[in-house]
C-alpha atoms as a PDB file:
ATOM      1  CA  UNK A   1       5.543  -2.655  16.372  1.00  0.00           C
ATOM      2  CA  UNK A   2       5.621  -2.117  12.067  1.00  0.00           C
ATOM      3  CA  UNK A   3       3.293  -4.392  10.214  1.00  0.00           C
ATOM      4  CA  UNK A   4       5.274  -3.309   7.000  1.00  0.00           C
ATOM      5  CA  UNK A   5       8.892  -1.749   6.566  1.00  0.00           C
ATOM      6  CA  UNK A   6       9.760   0.260   3.774  1.00  0.00           C
ATOM      7  CA  UNK A   7      12.469  -1.728   1.164  1.00  0.00           C
ATOM      8  CA  UNK A   8      14.872  -0.089  -1.201  1.00  0.00           C
ATOM      9  CA  UNK A   9      13.233  -2.584  -3.424  1.00  0.00           C
ATOM     10  CA  UNK A  10      10.259  -0.601  -3.387  1.00  0.00           C
ATOM     11  CA  UNK A  11      11.945   2.900  -4.618  1.00  0.00           C
ATOM     12  CA  UNK A  12      11.458   4.032  -8.241  1.00  0.00           C
ATOM     13  CA  UNK A  13      14.177   6.540  -8.269  1.00  0.00           C
ATOM     14  CA  UNK A  14      11.382   9.433  -8.769  1.00  0.00           C
ATOM     15  CA  UNK A  15      11.289  11.245  -5.101  1.00  0.00           C
ATOM     16  CA  UNK A  16       7.330  12.020  -4.743  1.00  0.00           C
ATOM     17  CA  UNK A  17       6.217   8.763  -6.121  1.00  0.00           C
ATOM     18  CA  UNK A  18       8.673   7.344  -3.476  1.00  0.00           C
ATOM     19  CA  UNK A  19       8.275   9.602  -0.806  1.00  0.00           C
ATOM     20  CA  UNK A  20       4.064   8.609  -1.500  1.00  0.00           C
ATOM     21  CA  UNK A  21       5.181   5.002  -0.993  1.00  0.00           C
ATOM     22  CA  UNK A  22       7.072   5.863   2.330  1.00  0.00           C
ATOM     23  CA  UNK A  23       3.993   7.782   3.979  1.00  0.00           C
ATOM     24  CA  UNK A  24       1.968   5.419   3.357  1.00  0.00           C
ATOM     25  CA  UNK A  25       3.838   2.777   4.814  1.00  0.00           C
ATOM     26  CA  UNK A  26       4.205   5.013   7.666  1.00  0.00           C
ATOM     27  CA  UNK A  27       0.117   5.756   7.598  1.00  0.00           C
ATOM     28  CA  UNK A  28      -0.564   1.722   7.309  1.00  0.00           C
ATOM     29  CA  UNK A  29       1.988   1.158  10.650  1.00  0.00           C
ATOM     30  CA  UNK A  30       1.003   4.506  12.449  1.00  0.00           C
ATOM     31  CA  UNK A  31      -2.918   2.950  11.930  1.00  0.00           C
ATOM     32  CA  UNK A  32      -2.011  -0.803  12.607  1.00  0.00           C
ATOM     33  CA  UNK A  33       0.122   0.255  15.536  1.00  0.00           C
ATOM     34  CA  UNK A  34      -3.677   2.265  16.663  1.00  0.00           C
ATOM     35  CA  UNK A  35      -5.414  -1.009  16.370  1.00  0.00           C
ATOM     36  CA  UNK A  36      -3.051  -3.193  18.854  1.00  0.00           C
ATOM     37  CA  UNK A  37      -3.955  -0.507  21.686  1.00  0.00           C
ATOM     38  CA  UNK A  38      -7.173  -0.406  21.124  1.00  0.00           C
ATOM     39  CA  UNK A  39      -9.835  -2.844  22.928  1.00  0.00           C
ATOM     40  CA  UNK A  40     -12.765  -3.018  21.401  1.00  0.00           C
ATOM     41  CA  UNK A  41     -14.783  -5.365  18.480  1.00  0.00           C
ATOM     42  CA  UNK A  42     -14.768  -2.202  16.241  1.00  0.00           C
ATOM     43  CA  UNK A  43     -11.216  -1.220  16.460  1.00  0.00           C
ATOM     44  CA  UNK A  44     -10.769  -3.841  13.539  1.00  0.00           C
ATOM     45  CA  UNK A  45     -13.068  -2.494  11.369  1.00  0.00           C
ATOM     46  CA  UNK A  46     -12.115   1.091  12.094  1.00  0.00           C
ATOM     47  CA  UNK A  47      -9.014  -0.144  11.146  1.00  0.00           C
ATOM     48  CA  UNK A  48      -9.729  -1.977   7.930  1.00  0.00           C
ATOM     49  CA  UNK A  49     -11.631   1.221   7.045  1.00  0.00           C
ATOM     50  CA  UNK A  50      -9.090   3.552   7.276  1.00  0.00           C
ATOM     51  CA  UNK A  51      -6.508   1.443   5.979  1.00  0.00           C
ATOM     52  CA  UNK A  52      -8.672   1.535   2.927  1.00  0.00           C
ATOM     53  CA  UNK A  53      -8.844   4.797   3.224  1.00  0.00           C
ATOM     54  CA  UNK A  54      -5.094   5.864   3.452  1.00  0.00           C
ATOM     55  CA  UNK A  55      -4.622   3.241   0.172  1.00  0.00           C
ATOM     56  CA  UNK A  56      -7.023   5.396  -1.808  1.00  0.00           C
ATOM     57  CA  UNK A  57      -5.382   8.689  -0.847  1.00  0.00           C
ATOM     58  CA  UNK A  58      -2.175   7.522  -1.679  1.00  0.00           C
ATOM     59  CA  UNK A  59      -2.938   6.127  -5.160  1.00  0.00           C
ATOM     60  CA  UNK A  60      -4.972   9.546  -5.952  1.00  0.00           C
ATOM     61  CA  UNK A  61      -1.912  11.743  -5.085  1.00  0.00           C
ATOM     62  CA  UNK A  62      -0.006   9.118  -6.896  1.00  0.00           C
ATOM     63  CA  UNK A  63      -2.398   9.134 -10.262  1.00  0.00           C
ATOM     64  CA  UNK A  64      -2.541  12.389 -10.373  1.00  0.00           C
ATOM     65  CA  UNK A  65       1.158  12.983 -10.423  1.00  0.00           C
ATOM     66  CA  UNK A  66       1.625  10.046 -13.210  1.00  0.00           C
ATOM     67  CA  UNK A  67      -1.497  11.692 -15.111  1.00  0.00           C
ATOM     68  CA  UNK A  68       0.337  15.093 -14.849  1.00  0.00           C
ATOM     69  CA  UNK A  69       3.488  13.509 -16.352  1.00  0.00           C
ATOM     70  CA  UNK A  70       1.241  11.649 -19.482  1.00  0.00           C
ATOM     71  CA  UNK A  71       2.343   8.065 -17.650  1.00  0.00           C
ATOM     72  CA  UNK A  72       0.304   5.391 -20.164  1.00  0.00           C
ATOM     73  CA  UNK A  73      -0.082   2.680 -17.590  1.00  0.00           C
ATOM     74  CA  UNK A  74      -2.994   4.024 -16.029  1.00  0.00           C
ATOM     75  CA  UNK A  75      -5.487   1.438 -16.542  1.00  0.00           C
ATOM     76  CA  UNK A  76      -3.543  -1.386 -15.947  1.00  0.00           C
ATOM     77  CA  UNK A  77      -2.273   0.674 -12.428  1.00  0.00           C
ATOM     78  CA  UNK A  78      -5.971   1.483 -11.717  1.00  0.00           C
ATOM     79  CA  UNK A  79      -6.397  -2.711 -12.228  1.00  0.00           C
ATOM     80  CA  UNK A  80      -3.712  -3.553  -9.900  1.00  0.00           C
ATOM     81  CA  UNK A  81      -5.060  -1.306  -6.971  1.00  0.00           C
ATOM     82  CA  UNK A  82      -8.761  -2.416  -7.281  1.00  0.00           C
ATOM     83  CA  UNK A  83      -7.098  -5.881  -7.346  1.00  0.00           C
ATOM     84  CA  UNK A  84      -4.996  -5.072  -3.455  1.00  0.00           C
ATOM     85  CA  UNK A  85      -7.910  -3.399  -2.197  1.00  0.00           C
ATOM     86  CA  UNK A  86     -10.245  -6.867  -2.925  1.00  0.00           C
ATOM     87  CA  UNK A  87      -7.918  -8.369  -1.053  1.00  0.00           C
ATOM     88  CA  UNK A  88      -7.699  -6.430   2.151  1.00  0.00           C
ATOM     89  CA  UNK A  89     -11.634  -6.564   2.153  1.00  0.00           C
ATOM     90  CA  UNK A  90     -11.071 -10.269   1.980  1.00  0.00           C
ATOM     91  CA  UNK A  91      -8.859 -10.155   4.847  1.00  0.00           C
ATOM     92  CA  UNK A  92     -11.499  -8.228   6.873  1.00  0.00           C
ATOM     93  CA  UNK A  93     -13.056 -11.790   8.427  1.00  0.00           C
ATOM     94  CA  UNK A  94      -9.846 -13.759   8.517  1.00  0.00           C
ATOM     95  CA  UNK A  95      -8.508 -11.033  10.775  1.00  0.00           C
ATOM     96  CA  UNK A  96     -11.540 -10.983  13.295  1.00  0.00           C
ATOM     97  CA  UNK A  97     -11.001 -14.925  13.143  1.00  0.00           C
ATOM     98  CA  UNK A  98      -7.770 -14.813  14.314  1.00  0.00           C
ATOM     99  CA  UNK A  99      -5.927 -11.746  14.764  1.00  0.00           C
ATOM    100  CA  UNK A 100      -2.306 -12.694  14.691  1.00  0.00           C
ATOM    101  CA  UNK A 101      -2.781 -15.027  11.460  1.00  0.00           C
ATOM    102  CA  UNK A 102      -5.155 -12.083  10.096  1.00  0.00           C
ATOM    103  CA  UNK A 103      -2.328  -9.461  10.903  1.00  0.00           C
ATOM    104  CA  UNK A 104       0.884 -11.807   9.512  1.00  0.00           C
ATOM    105  CA  UNK A 105      -1.219 -12.293   6.160  1.00  0.00           C
ATOM    106  CA  UNK A 106      -2.250  -8.420   5.776  1.00  0.00           C
ATOM    107  CA  UNK A 107       1.757  -8.014   6.209  1.00  0.00           C
ATOM    108  CA  UNK A 108       2.587 -10.341   3.623  1.00  0.00           C
ATOM    109  CA  UNK A 109      -0.242  -9.382   1.555  1.00  0.00           C
ATOM    110  CA  UNK A 110       1.268  -5.700   1.539  1.00  0.00           C
ATOM    111  CA  UNK A 111       4.537  -6.625   1.770  1.00  0.00           C
ATOM    112  CA  UNK A 112       3.627  -8.501  -1.659  1.00  0.00           C
ATOM    113  CA  UNK A 113       1.735  -6.189  -3.264  1.00  0.00           C
ATOM    114  CA  UNK A 114       4.350  -3.308  -2.478  1.00  0.00           C
ATOM    115  CA  UNK A 115       6.854  -5.660  -4.169  1.00  0.00           C
ATOM    116  CA  UNK A 116       4.787  -6.725  -7.229  1.00  0.00           C
ATOM    117  CA  UNK A 117       3.845  -3.056  -7.872  1.00  0.00           C
ATOM    118  CA  UNK A 118       7.199  -2.030  -7.365  1.00  0.00           C
ATOM    119  CA  UNK A 119       8.681  -4.334 -10.113  1.00  0.00           C
ATOM    120  CA  UNK A 120       5.788  -4.019 -12.720  1.00  0.00           C
ATOM    121  CA  UNK A 121       4.126  -0.470 -12.790  1.00  0.00           C
ATOM    122  CA  UNK A 122       6.419   1.338 -10.443  1.00  0.00           C
ATOM    123  CA  UNK A 123       9.383  -0.234 -13.298  1.00  0.00           C
ATOM    124  CA  UNK A 124       7.605   1.004 -15.776  1.00  0.00           C
ATOM    125  CA  UNK A 125       7.836   4.349 -14.180  1.00  0.00           C
ATOM    126  CA  UNK A 126      10.964   4.135 -13.596  1.00  0.00           C
ATOM    127  CA  UNK A 127      11.618   3.865 -17.309  1.00  0.00           C
ATOM    128  CA  UNK A 128       9.230   7.174 -17.813  1.00  0.00           C
ATOM    129  CA  UNK A 129      11.277   8.978 -15.515  1.00  0.00           C
ATOM    130  CA  UNK A 130      14.681   7.753 -14.826  1.00  0.00           C
ATOM    131  CA  UNK A 131      16.732   5.209 -13.182  1.00  0.00           C
ATOM    132  CA  UNK A 132      16.375   3.366  -9.605  1.00  0.00           C
ATOM    133  CA  UNK A 133      19.432   4.797  -7.193  1.00  0.00           C
ATOM    134  CA  UNK A 134      21.683   1.952  -6.314  1.00  0.00           C
END
């Protein structure tokens, strides 16, 4: 069962960035699948730790790409990224209290972040690197 699905709305039309976003979603879903088969209390903590690591790795790769191409909005992108990590860390307690509600909230927040990120920062990337495919 996937937690987050790729949407064409997430595309910035720049293949390296789009591929990295798709890989991040795939990593998130693999981690979530692993969590669903684990039957120990430490599985939730391990899931969130791995999720934060995957998102951090994604951002490092994306940031390197953007820095190499002279993208001027990196400080704003870093702030957006830090807010997402703070939200995910805040979801740990909710997930521990009620897994179903926590899962739904996590999926909604990840989707919301990907959508918002796409509409703001990634739209700026689009302006720098070209138009999104139709």
